[in-house]
C-alpha cells in the first residue's frame, strides 16, 4: 500500500489536518474532539495489527 495515498493526515490536540499536496493543492483543518478521536482510533487500530518494517522487508 506504500505510495497509494495522495494525502497526509495529521492529528493533534482536538484537530485533524488533511493535506492533499498533489494535483490540486488543498488542505482542511477540522477542529472536533470526536473527529480527532475517530482518526486516532483508526490509526491505533492499524498500528496494532501492522508488521514491523524489518519483518516486511525480509518477506520480499
N, C-alpha and C. Protein backbone atom coordinates (compact mmCIF):
# COMPACT_ATOMS: atom_id res chain seq x y z
N UNK A 1 0.80 -1.19 0.00
CA UNK A 1 0.00 0.00 0.00
C UNK A 1 0.85 1.26 0.00
N UNK A 2 2.14 1.10 0.17
CA UNK A 2 3.03 2.26 0.20
C UNK A 2 2.92 3.02 -1.12
N UNK A 3 2.74 4.32 -1.02
CA UNK A 3 2.66 5.15 -2.21
C UNK A 3 1.27 5.28 -2.81
N UNK A 4 0.26 4.66 -2.22
CA UNK A 4 -1.08 4.70 -2.78
C UNK A 4 -1.92 5.84 -2.23
N UNK A 5 -1.42 6.56 -1.27
CA UNK A 5 -2.20 7.63 -0.67
C UNK A 5 -1.62 8.98 -1.09
N UNK A 6 -2.48 9.84 -1.62
CA UNK A 6 -2.02 11.14 -2.07
C UNK A 6 -2.18 12.23 -1.04
N UNK A 7 -2.74 11.90 0.10
CA UNK A 7 -2.98 12.89 1.14
C UNK A 7 -2.22 12.53 2.41
N UNK A 8 -2.02 13.55 3.23
CA UNK A 8 -1.38 13.37 4.53
C UNK A 8 -2.41 13.76 5.59
N UNK A 9 -2.53 12.96 6.63
CA UNK A 9 -3.45 13.25 7.73
C UNK A 9 -2.64 13.40 9.00
N UNK A 10 -2.84 14.52 9.68
CA UNK A 10 -2.13 14.81 10.93
C UNK A 10 -3.18 15.06 12.00
N UNK A 11 -3.06 14.36 13.13
CA UNK A 11 -3.98 14.59 14.25
C UNK A 11 -3.19 15.21 15.40
N UNK A 12 -3.78 16.19 16.03
CA UNK A 12 -3.15 16.82 17.20
C UNK A 12 -4.22 17.56 17.98
N UNK A 13 -4.02 17.66 19.29
CA UNK A 13 -4.98 18.31 20.18
C UNK A 13 -6.40 17.81 19.85
N UNK A 14 -7.30 18.72 19.50
CA UNK A 14 -8.65 18.33 19.12
C UNK A 14 -8.87 18.58 17.62
N UNK A 15 -7.78 18.44 16.84
CA UNK A 15 -7.83 18.80 15.42
C UNK A 15 -7.37 17.65 14.53
N UNK A 16 -7.86 17.66 13.30
CA UNK A 16 -7.40 16.76 12.25
C UNK A 16 -7.07 17.64 11.05
N UNK A 17 -5.85 17.53 10.55
CA UNK A 17 -5.38 18.35 9.44
C UNK A 17 -5.15 17.42 8.26
N UNK A 18 -5.87 17.63 7.16
CA UNK A 18 -5.74 16.80 5.97
C UNK A 18 -5.15 17.66 4.86
N UNK A 19 -4.03 17.21 4.31
CA UNK A 19 -3.34 17.94 3.25
C UNK A 19 -3.27 17.06 2.00
N UNK A 20 -3.67 17.63 0.88
CA UNK A 20 -3.57 16.94 -0.40
C UNK A 20 -2.63 17.75 -1.29
N UNK A 21 -1.34 17.37 -1.32
CA UNK A 21 -0.35 18.21 -1.99
C UNK A 21 -0.15 17.90 -3.47
N UNK A 22 -0.89 16.96 -4.02
CA UNK A 22 -0.60 16.55 -5.39
C UNK A 22 -1.26 17.47 -6.41
N UNK A 23 -2.18 16.99 -7.22
CA UNK A 23 -2.73 17.77 -8.33
C UNK A 23 -3.33 19.10 -7.89
N UNK A 24 -4.33 19.06 -7.07
CA UNK A 24 -4.98 20.29 -6.59
C UNK A 24 -4.58 20.50 -5.14
N UNK A 25 -3.63 21.38 -4.93
CA UNK A 25 -3.16 21.64 -3.58
C UNK A 25 -4.33 22.11 -2.72
N UNK A 26 -4.61 21.38 -1.67
CA UNK A 26 -5.70 21.77 -0.77
C UNK A 26 -5.40 21.24 0.63
N UNK A 27 -6.06 21.86 1.59
CA UNK A 27 -5.91 21.44 2.98
C UNK A 27 -7.20 21.73 3.72
N UNK A 28 -7.48 20.88 4.71
CA UNK A 28 -8.68 21.05 5.54
C UNK A 28 -8.25 20.87 6.99
N UNK A 29 -8.66 21.78 7.83
CA UNK A 29 -8.42 21.66 9.26
C UNK A 29 -9.77 21.50 9.94
N UNK A 30 -9.95 20.39 10.60
CA UNK A 30 -11.20 20.10 11.32
C UNK A 30 -10.90 20.18 12.81
N UNK A 31 -11.62 21.03 13.50
CA UNK A 31 -11.47 21.12 14.95
C UNK A 31 -12.68 20.45 15.57
N UNK A 32 -12.45 19.23 16.04
CA UNK A 32 -13.54 18.42 16.60
C UNK A 32 -12.92 17.31 17.43
N UNK A 33 -13.27 17.27 18.68
CA UNK A 33 -12.76 16.21 19.56
C UNK A 33 -13.21 14.84 19.06
N UNK A 34 -14.45 14.74 18.59
CA UNK A 34 -14.98 13.46 18.11
C UNK A 34 -14.27 12.99 16.84
N UNK A 35 -14.04 13.91 15.91
CA UNK A 35 -13.36 13.54 14.67
C UNK A 35 -11.92 13.16 14.95
N UNK A 36 -11.25 13.90 15.83
CA UNK A 36 -9.89 13.55 16.20
C UNK A 36 -9.85 12.16 16.84
N UNK A 37 -10.80 11.87 17.71
CA UNK A 37 -10.84 10.56 18.37
C UNK A 37 -11.05 9.45 17.35
N UNK A 38 -11.87 9.70 16.33
CA UNK A 38 -12.12 8.70 15.29
C UNK A 38 -10.85 8.42 14.49
N UNK A 39 -10.18 9.48 14.02
CA UNK A 39 -8.96 9.29 13.25
C UNK A 39 -7.86 8.66 14.10
N UNK A 40 -7.78 9.03 15.37
CA UNK A 40 -6.79 8.44 16.27
C UNK A 40 -7.06 6.95 16.47
N UNK A 41 -8.33 6.59 16.63
CA UNK A 41 -8.70 5.17 16.80
C UNK A 41 -8.37 4.36 15.55
N UNK A 42 -8.61 4.93 14.38
CA UNK A 42 -8.26 4.25 13.12
C UNK A 42 -6.76 4.02 13.07
N UNK A 43 -5.97 5.06 13.37
CA UNK A 43 -4.52 4.92 13.36
C UNK A 43 -4.06 3.85 14.34
N UNK A 44 -4.55 3.92 15.57
CA UNK A 44 -4.12 2.97 16.60
C UNK A 44 -4.52 1.55 16.24
N UNK A 45 -5.70 1.38 15.65
CA UNK A 45 -6.13 0.05 15.23
C UNK A 45 -5.22 -0.52 14.15
N UNK A 46 -4.90 0.30 13.16
CA UNK A 46 -3.99 -0.16 12.10
C UNK A 46 -2.59 -0.41 12.63
N UNK A 47 -2.13 0.46 13.51
CA UNK A 47 -0.79 0.32 14.09
C UNK A 47 -0.69 -1.00 14.87
N UNK A 48 -1.75 -1.36 15.58
CA UNK A 48 -1.71 -2.56 16.43
C UNK A 48 -1.63 -3.86 15.62
N UNK A 49 -2.09 -3.84 14.38
CA UNK A 49 -2.04 -5.05 13.55
C UNK A 49 -0.95 -5.00 12.49
N UNK A 50 -0.19 -3.91 12.46
CA UNK A 50 0.87 -3.76 11.47
C UNK A 50 2.07 -4.63 11.81
N UNK A 51 2.78 -5.01 10.77
CA UNK A 51 4.02 -5.75 10.96
C UNK A 51 5.16 -4.74 11.04
N UNK A 52 6.21 -5.13 11.72
CA UNK A 52 7.39 -4.28 11.79
C UNK A 52 8.03 -4.20 10.41
N UNK A 53 8.56 -3.04 10.08
CA UNK A 53 9.16 -2.82 8.77
C UNK A 53 10.24 -3.86 8.46
N UNK A 54 11.07 -4.18 9.44
CA UNK A 54 12.15 -5.14 9.21
C UNK A 54 11.59 -6.52 8.85
N UNK A 55 10.42 -6.88 9.38
CA UNK A 55 9.80 -8.16 9.05
C UNK A 55 9.20 -8.14 7.65
N UNK A 56 8.68 -7.00 7.23
CA UNK A 56 8.12 -6.88 5.89
C UNK A 56 9.22 -6.95 4.84
N UNK A 57 10.35 -6.31 5.11
CA UNK A 57 11.47 -6.31 4.17
C UNK A 57 12.00 -7.73 3.98
N UNK A 58 12.03 -8.51 5.05
CA UNK A 58 12.52 -9.90 4.95
C UNK A 58 11.60 -10.74 4.07
N UNK A 59 10.31 -10.42 4.05
CA UNK A 59 9.36 -11.21 3.27
C UNK A 59 9.54 -11.03 1.77
N UNK A 60 10.09 -9.91 1.35
CA UNK A 60 10.21 -9.62 -0.09
C UNK A 60 11.38 -10.30 -0.72
